[in-house]
Amino acid sequence: MTFITRFAPSPTGPLHLGHAYSALLAHDMARSKDGVFLLRIEDIDQTRSRPEWEAQILNDLAWLGLNWPAPVMRQSDRMQTYSDALQTLWQRGLLYPCTCTRRDVAASASAPQEGAPLLGPDGIVYPGTCRPAPGTQPKGPMPADTALRLDMRAAERAIGAPPHFTETGASPKGETGRIQSDWEQVRQGIGDIALARSAMGTSYHLSVVLDDAAQSVTMVPRGADLFEATTIHVILQRLLDLPTPVYHHHRLIRDGEGKRLAKRDDARAISRYRQDGLTPALIREMLDMPHAPS
């Protein structure tokens, strides 16, 4: 089996040091295993994605010494694939429509009788406002232009065994090897996540799972901030009969105050370092990374 890694940036801002670390790590892993490094553009958010950002990202990655096979997969070309997967889940009674806005969710989860809202890997854990009563799953055609949520209780019945995956990096607790969740933890700490949003037609969680499977990715290097989201992805892989890759959650690159870098932090943009005359080798030194494997 070919060892395949990937880096999947969103063209909604500049490539910064944190992105560079993840991309270089994935590239180095593939090189060390005589494998393949893939690039994917995650542009399902068409309201924020910009072609100029994509061009800059590709340019910066090439400057860093990364190379990848063409053509590059773009999520915007795969909307029918995501729709087909949603249809499958809908027909199995695993989805339900949700009319709650983000403000509705926040207000409901913060109601006095609910206590402080719980935060999960998808934001505030959905309180179940639109969830149908047991045994009354929605019938008929899947609604269009409507948010669709995964009924996690129905998912548990469909899957049975608790979700698990193999970790070669380190979880927030320092664990490696087999990482397993229990369904109570999933229901309480993750809840009924949105798999389609009305303005987008899909979601990050659904698209990333389908794309990794389509590209036969065997190793997913990603930041430690996505560790909890990996359980969501494993659940979707089980529901859609897709393979589960090995995951490597790596350390986050932070600024001098210990804050995780974000796209709004232009001062840490790779393009800014290039303008200041730094070299790819110096970027690696800043990131405490060895030179690229030959």
Protein backbone atom coordinates (compact mmCIF):
# COMPACT_ATOMS: atom_id res chain seq x y z
CA MET A 1 0.00 0.00 0.00
CA THR A 2 1.35 3.42 -0.96
CA PHE A 3 1.90 5.81 1.93
CA ILE A 4 -0.13 8.95 1.13
CA THR A 5 -0.31 12.19 3.10
CA ARG A 6 -2.01 15.46 2.25
CA PHE A 7 -2.20 19.15 3.08
CA ALA A 8 -5.59 20.80 2.58
CA PRO A 9 -5.59 24.58 3.03
CA SER A 10 -8.58 26.88 2.64
CA PRO A 11 -7.94 29.85 0.31
CA THR A 12 -9.43 32.36 2.72
CA GLY A 13 -6.22 34.04 3.85
CA PRO A 14 -2.43 33.85 3.75
CA LEU A 15 -0.33 30.80 4.49
CA HIS A 16 1.24 31.37 7.93
CA LEU A 17 3.86 29.55 9.96
CA GLY A 18 1.36 27.11 11.44
CA HIS A 19 0.18 26.09 7.98
CA ALA A 20 3.76 25.79 6.79
CA TYR A 21 4.62 23.46 9.67
CA SER A 22 1.71 21.15 8.87
CA ALA A 23 2.47 21.14 5.15
CA LEU A 24 6.20 20.53 5.64
CA LEU A 25 5.51 17.74 8.13
CA ALA A 26 3.12 15.98 5.73
CA HIS A 27 5.57 16.40 2.86
CA ASP A 28 8.51 15.12 4.93
CA MET A 29 6.51 12.12 6.12
CA ALA A 30 5.71 11.14 2.54
CA ARG A 31 9.31 11.62 1.40
CA SER A 32 10.67 9.51 4.27
CA LYS A 33 8.32 6.65 3.34
CA ASP A 34 8.87 6.95 -0.42
CA GLY A 35 5.20 7.87 -0.54
CA VAL A 36 3.03 10.58 -2.07
CA PHE A 37 2.22 14.05 -0.79
CA LEU A 38 -1.08 15.48 -2.07
CA LEU A 39 -2.41 19.01 -2.06
CA ARG A 40 -6.14 19.71 -1.80
CA ILE A 41 -7.90 23.06 -1.84
CA GLU A 42 -10.76 23.20 0.66
CA ASP A 43 -12.90 25.92 -0.90
CA ILE A 44 -16.46 24.94 0.02
CA ASP A 45 -16.86 28.35 1.67
CA GLN A 46 -17.28 30.25 -1.57
CA THR A 47 -18.19 33.46 0.25
CA ARG A 48 -14.68 33.72 1.71
CA SER A 49 -12.50 31.80 -0.75
CA ARG A 50 -10.49 33.90 -3.17
CA PRO A 51 -8.47 32.82 -6.24
CA GLU A 52 -5.70 35.24 -5.30
CA TRP A 53 -5.30 33.54 -1.93
CA GLU A 54 -5.15 30.14 -3.62
CA ALA A 55 -2.48 31.37 -6.03
CA GLN A 56 -0.45 32.79 -3.13
CA ILE A 57 -0.74 29.55 -1.15
CA LEU A 58 0.48 27.47 -4.11
CA ASN A 59 3.34 29.89 -4.67
CA ASP A 60 4.40 29.85 -1.02
CA LEU A 61 4.29 26.04 -0.81
CA ALA A 62 6.42 25.71 -3.93
CA TRP A 63 8.89 28.26 -2.48
CA LEU A 64 9.15 26.12 0.66
CA GLY A 65 10.32 23.26 -1.55
CA LEU A 66 7.13 21.21 -1.63
CA ASN A 67 5.91 19.46 -4.74
CA TRP A 68 2.75 17.49 -5.45
CA PRO A 69 1.07 15.70 -8.36
CA ALA A 70 -1.39 17.53 -10.58
CA PRO A 71 -4.24 18.16 -10.86
CA VAL A 72 -5.01 19.55 -7.42
CA MET A 73 -8.36 18.44 -6.01
CA ARG A 74 -10.78 21.29 -5.25
CA GLN A 75 -13.80 20.78 -3.07
CA SER A 76 -15.86 23.18 -5.17
CA ASP A 77 -15.67 20.58 -7.97
CA ARG A 78 -17.11 17.84 -5.76
CA MET A 79 -20.43 19.22 -4.55
CA GLN A 80 -22.38 16.41 -6.21
CA THR A 81 -20.30 13.85 -4.30
CA TYR A 82 -21.19 15.53 -1.02
CA SER A 83 -24.86 15.73 -1.99
CA ASP A 84 -24.92 12.02 -2.85
CA ALA A 85 -23.47 11.14 0.55
CA LEU A 86 -26.08 13.29 2.29
CA GLN A 87 -28.80 11.51 0.31
CA THR A 88 -27.47 8.17 1.50
CA LEU A 89 -27.50 9.26 5.13
CA TRP A 90 -30.94 10.84 4.75
CA GLN A 91 -32.46 7.69 3.28
CA ARG A 92 -31.09 5.70 6.21
CA GLY A 93 -32.82 8.01 8.68
CA LEU A 94 -29.58 9.42 10.06
CA LEU A 95 -30.19 13.11 9.28
CA TYR A 96 -32.81 15.67 10.18
CA PRO A 97 -33.38 19.27 9.05
CA CYS A 98 -32.53 22.08 11.42
CA THR A 99 -33.81 25.65 11.22
CA CYS A 100 -31.84 26.96 14.19
CA THR A 101 -29.45 29.83 13.60
CA ARG A 102 -26.14 30.04 15.42
CA ARG A 103 -27.76 32.62 17.68
CA ASP A 104 -30.66 30.24 18.40
CA VAL A 105 -28.24 27.48 19.34
CA ALA A 106 -26.25 29.79 21.61
CA ALA A 107 -29.40 31.10 23.30
CA SER A 108 -30.89 27.64 23.83
CA ALA A 109 -27.65 26.15 25.10
CA SER A 110 -27.20 29.12 27.47
CA ALA A 111 -30.69 29.01 28.94
CA PRO A 112 -30.67 29.20 32.77
CA GLN A 113 -31.89 25.65 33.16
CA GLU A 114 -29.08 24.39 30.89
CA GLY A 115 -26.18 25.99 32.76
CA ALA A 116 -23.03 27.04 30.92
CA PRO A 117 -23.06 25.93 27.25
CA LEU A 118 -20.85 22.99 26.40
CA LEU A 119 -18.22 23.54 23.72
CA GLY A 120 -17.31 20.68 21.41
CA PRO A 121 -15.22 20.30 18.26
CA ASP A 122 -18.01 21.89 16.20
CA GLY A 123 -18.59 24.84 18.54
CA ILE A 124 -21.45 24.93 21.04
CA VAL A 125 -22.86 21.43 21.42
CA TYR A 126 -26.27 21.45 19.76
CA PRO A 127 -29.02 21.17 22.42
CA GLY A 128 -31.31 19.09 20.18
CA THR A 129 -34.00 21.70 19.51
CA CYS A 130 -34.96 20.32 16.08
CA ARG A 131 -34.15 16.66 16.76
CA PRO A 132 -37.16 14.43 15.99
CA ALA A 133 -38.60 12.23 18.69
CA PRO A 134 -37.40 8.61 18.66
CA GLY A 135 -39.13 6.60 15.97
CA THR A 136 -40.28 9.69 14.06
CA GLN A 137 -37.44 10.28 11.61
CA PRO A 138 -38.30 12.68 8.75
CA LYS A 139 -39.81 11.05 5.66
CA GLY A 140 -39.91 12.06 2.04
CA PRO A 141 -37.26 13.78 -0.10
CA MET A 142 -34.25 15.37 1.52
CA PRO A 143 -34.92 19.13 1.81
CA ALA A 144 -32.72 21.49 -0.17
CA ASP A 145 -31.08 24.69 1.10
CA THR A 146 -31.58 23.60 4.70
CA ALA A 147 -29.11 22.72 7.43
CA LEU A 148 -28.97 18.98 8.04
CA ARG A 149 -27.76 17.45 11.29
CA LEU A 150 -26.51 13.98 12.07
CA ASP A 151 -28.70 12.29 14.66
CA MET A 152 -25.91 10.93 16.86
CA ARG A 153 -28.26 8.54 18.65
CA ALA A 154 -29.27 7.03 15.33
CA ALA A 155 -25.59 6.87 14.35
CA GLU A 156 -24.83 4.93 17.51
CA ARG A 157 -27.55 2.40 16.69
CA ALA A 158 -26.24 2.05 13.14
CA ILE A 159 -22.60 1.58 14.12
CA GLY A 160 -22.75 -0.19 17.46
CA ALA A 161 -19.11 -0.40 18.53
CA PRO A 162 -17.54 2.82 19.86
CA PRO A 163 -15.50 4.79 17.28
CA HIS A 164 -11.72 4.41 17.38
CA PHE A 165 -8.65 5.32 15.35
CA THR A 166 -4.87 4.93 15.42
CA GLU A 167 -2.83 7.91 16.61
CA THR A 168 0.91 8.25 15.89
CA GLY A 169 1.31 11.79 17.17
CA ALA A 170 0.00 12.71 20.58
CA SER A 171 -3.46 13.47 21.85
CA PRO A 172 -3.99 16.37 24.27
CA LYS A 173 -3.46 13.81 27.02
CA GLY A 174 -0.28 12.47 25.43
CA GLU A 175 -1.86 9.21 24.28
CA THR A 176 -0.73 7.34 21.19
CA GLY A 177 -1.85 4.11 19.57
CA ARG A 178 -5.52 3.13 19.66
CA ILE A 179 -7.74 6.04 20.66
CA GLN A 180 -11.32 5.08 21.50
CA SER A 181 -14.32 7.20 22.45
CA ASP A 182 -17.46 6.06 24.20
CA TRP A 183 -20.91 6.94 22.90
CA GLU A 184 -21.91 8.83 26.03
CA GLN A 185 -18.90 11.08 25.53
CA VAL A 186 -19.86 11.55 21.87
CA ARG A 187 -23.47 12.44 22.65
CA GLN A 188 -22.59 14.84 25.45
CA GLY A 189 -19.36 16.35 24.12
CA ILE A 190 -20.03 16.43 20.37
CA GLY A 191 -23.77 16.18 19.84
CA ASP A 192 -25.72 16.34 16.59
CA ILE A 193 -23.25 18.05 14.28
CA ALA A 194 -24.28 19.86 11.10
CA LEU A 195 -23.31 17.92 7.97
CA ALA A 196 -24.82 20.48 5.59
CA ARG A 197 -25.36 24.19 6.00
CA SER A 198 -27.97 26.07 4.01
CA ALA A 199 -25.53 28.46 2.34
CA MET A 200 -22.86 25.84 1.67
CA GLY A 201 -24.57 22.55 0.80
CA THR A 202 -22.05 20.53 2.82
CA SER A 203 -19.73 20.92 5.81
CA TYR A 204 -16.06 20.61 6.60
CA HIS A 205 -16.61 17.32 8.44
CA LEU A 206 -18.44 15.61 5.59
CA SER A 207 -16.26 16.91 2.77
CA VAL A 208 -12.93 16.13 4.44
CA VAL A 209 -13.95 12.53 5.07
CA LEU A 210 -15.12 11.97 1.51
CA ASP A 211 -12.06 13.69 0.04
CA ASP A 212 -9.56 11.71 2.11
CA ALA A 213 -11.22 8.49 0.96
CA ALA A 214 -11.31 9.62 -2.68
CA GLN A 215 -7.60 10.41 -2.57
CA SER A 216 -6.73 7.15 -0.75
CA VAL A 217 -5.01 9.08 2.04
CA THR A 218 -3.38 6.69 4.53
CA MET A 219 -1.92 9.22 6.99
CA VAL A 220 -3.55 12.48 8.05
CA PRO A 221 -1.19 14.94 9.77
CA ARG A 222 -3.19 17.74 11.38
CA GLY A 223 -3.00 20.15 14.28
CA ALA A 224 -3.77 19.06 17.82
CA ASP A 225 -6.72 21.48 17.78
CA LEU A 226 -8.52 19.02 15.48
CA PHE A 227 -8.04 16.01 17.74
CA GLU A 228 -11.62 16.01 19.04
CA ALA A 229 -13.00 16.43 15.50
CA THR A 230 -11.29 13.21 14.45
CA THR A 231 -13.94 11.21 16.32
CA ILE A 232 -16.59 12.87 14.14
CA HIS A 233 -14.69 11.84 11.03
CA VAL A 234 -14.32 8.25 12.17
CA ILE A 235 -18.07 8.06 12.81
CA LEU A 236 -18.77 9.31 9.29
CA GLN A 237 -16.26 6.85 7.85
CA ARG A 238 -18.08 4.00 9.59
CA LEU A 239 -21.50 5.22 8.45
CA LEU A 240 -20.38 5.63 4.82
CA ASP A 241 -18.28 2.44 4.74
CA LEU A 242 -15.05 4.33 4.11
CA PRO A 243 -11.53 3.42 5.31
CA THR A 244 -10.12 5.14 8.38
CA PRO A 245 -6.59 6.49 7.84
CA VAL A 246 -3.98 6.74 10.56
CA TYR A 247 -3.92 10.16 12.22
CA HIS A 248 -0.98 12.22 13.46
CA HIS A 249 -1.97 15.22 15.54
CA HIS A 250 0.98 17.56 15.76
CA ARG A 251 1.92 20.47 18.00
CA LEU A 252 0.52 23.91 17.26
CA ILE A 253 2.70 26.84 16.30
CA ARG A 254 2.02 29.78 18.60
CA ASP A 255 3.03 33.41 18.79
CA GLY A 256 5.18 34.97 21.51
CA GLU A 257 2.17 35.22 23.82
CA GLY A 258 1.29 31.55 23.41
CA LYS A 259 -1.72 32.13 21.15
CA ARG A 260 -2.33 29.78 18.24
CA LEU A 261 -1.62 31.43 14.90
CA ALA A 262 -4.62 32.33 12.76
CA LYS A 263 -4.99 33.59 9.21
CA ARG A 264 -5.63 37.08 10.49
CA ASP A 265 -2.08 37.10 11.88
CA ASP A 266 -0.53 38.52 8.72
CA ALA A 267 2.70 39.26 10.57
CA ARG A 268 3.37 35.51 10.54
CA ALA A 269 2.46 35.05 6.86
CA ILE A 270 5.03 33.17 4.80
CA SER A 271 4.84 35.87 2.15
CA ARG A 272 5.94 38.43 4.74
CA TYR A 273 8.97 36.34 5.69
CA ARG A 274 9.84 35.96 2.01
CA GLN A 275 9.69 39.73 1.57
CA ASP A 276 12.03 40.10 4.54
CA GLY A 277 14.61 37.88 2.82
CA LEU A 278 14.27 34.67 4.82
CA THR A 279 14.96 31.33 3.13
CA PRO A 280 13.04 28.03 3.34
CA ALA A 281 15.90 26.67 5.47
CA LEU A 282 15.46 29.50 7.96
CA ILE A 283 11.71 28.87 8.07
CA ARG A 284 12.47 25.27 9.02
CA GLU A 285 14.81 26.48 11.75
CA MET A 286 12.12 28.80 13.10
CA LEU A 287 9.75 25.84 13.22
CA ASP A 288 12.39 23.60 14.86
CA MET A 289 12.20 21.18 11.94
CA PRO A 290 15.05 19.16 10.39
CA HIS A 291 16.09 19.70 6.81
CA ALA A 292 13.92 17.99 4.22
CA PRO A 293 14.70 14.28 3.71
CA SER A 294 16.54 13.60 0.48
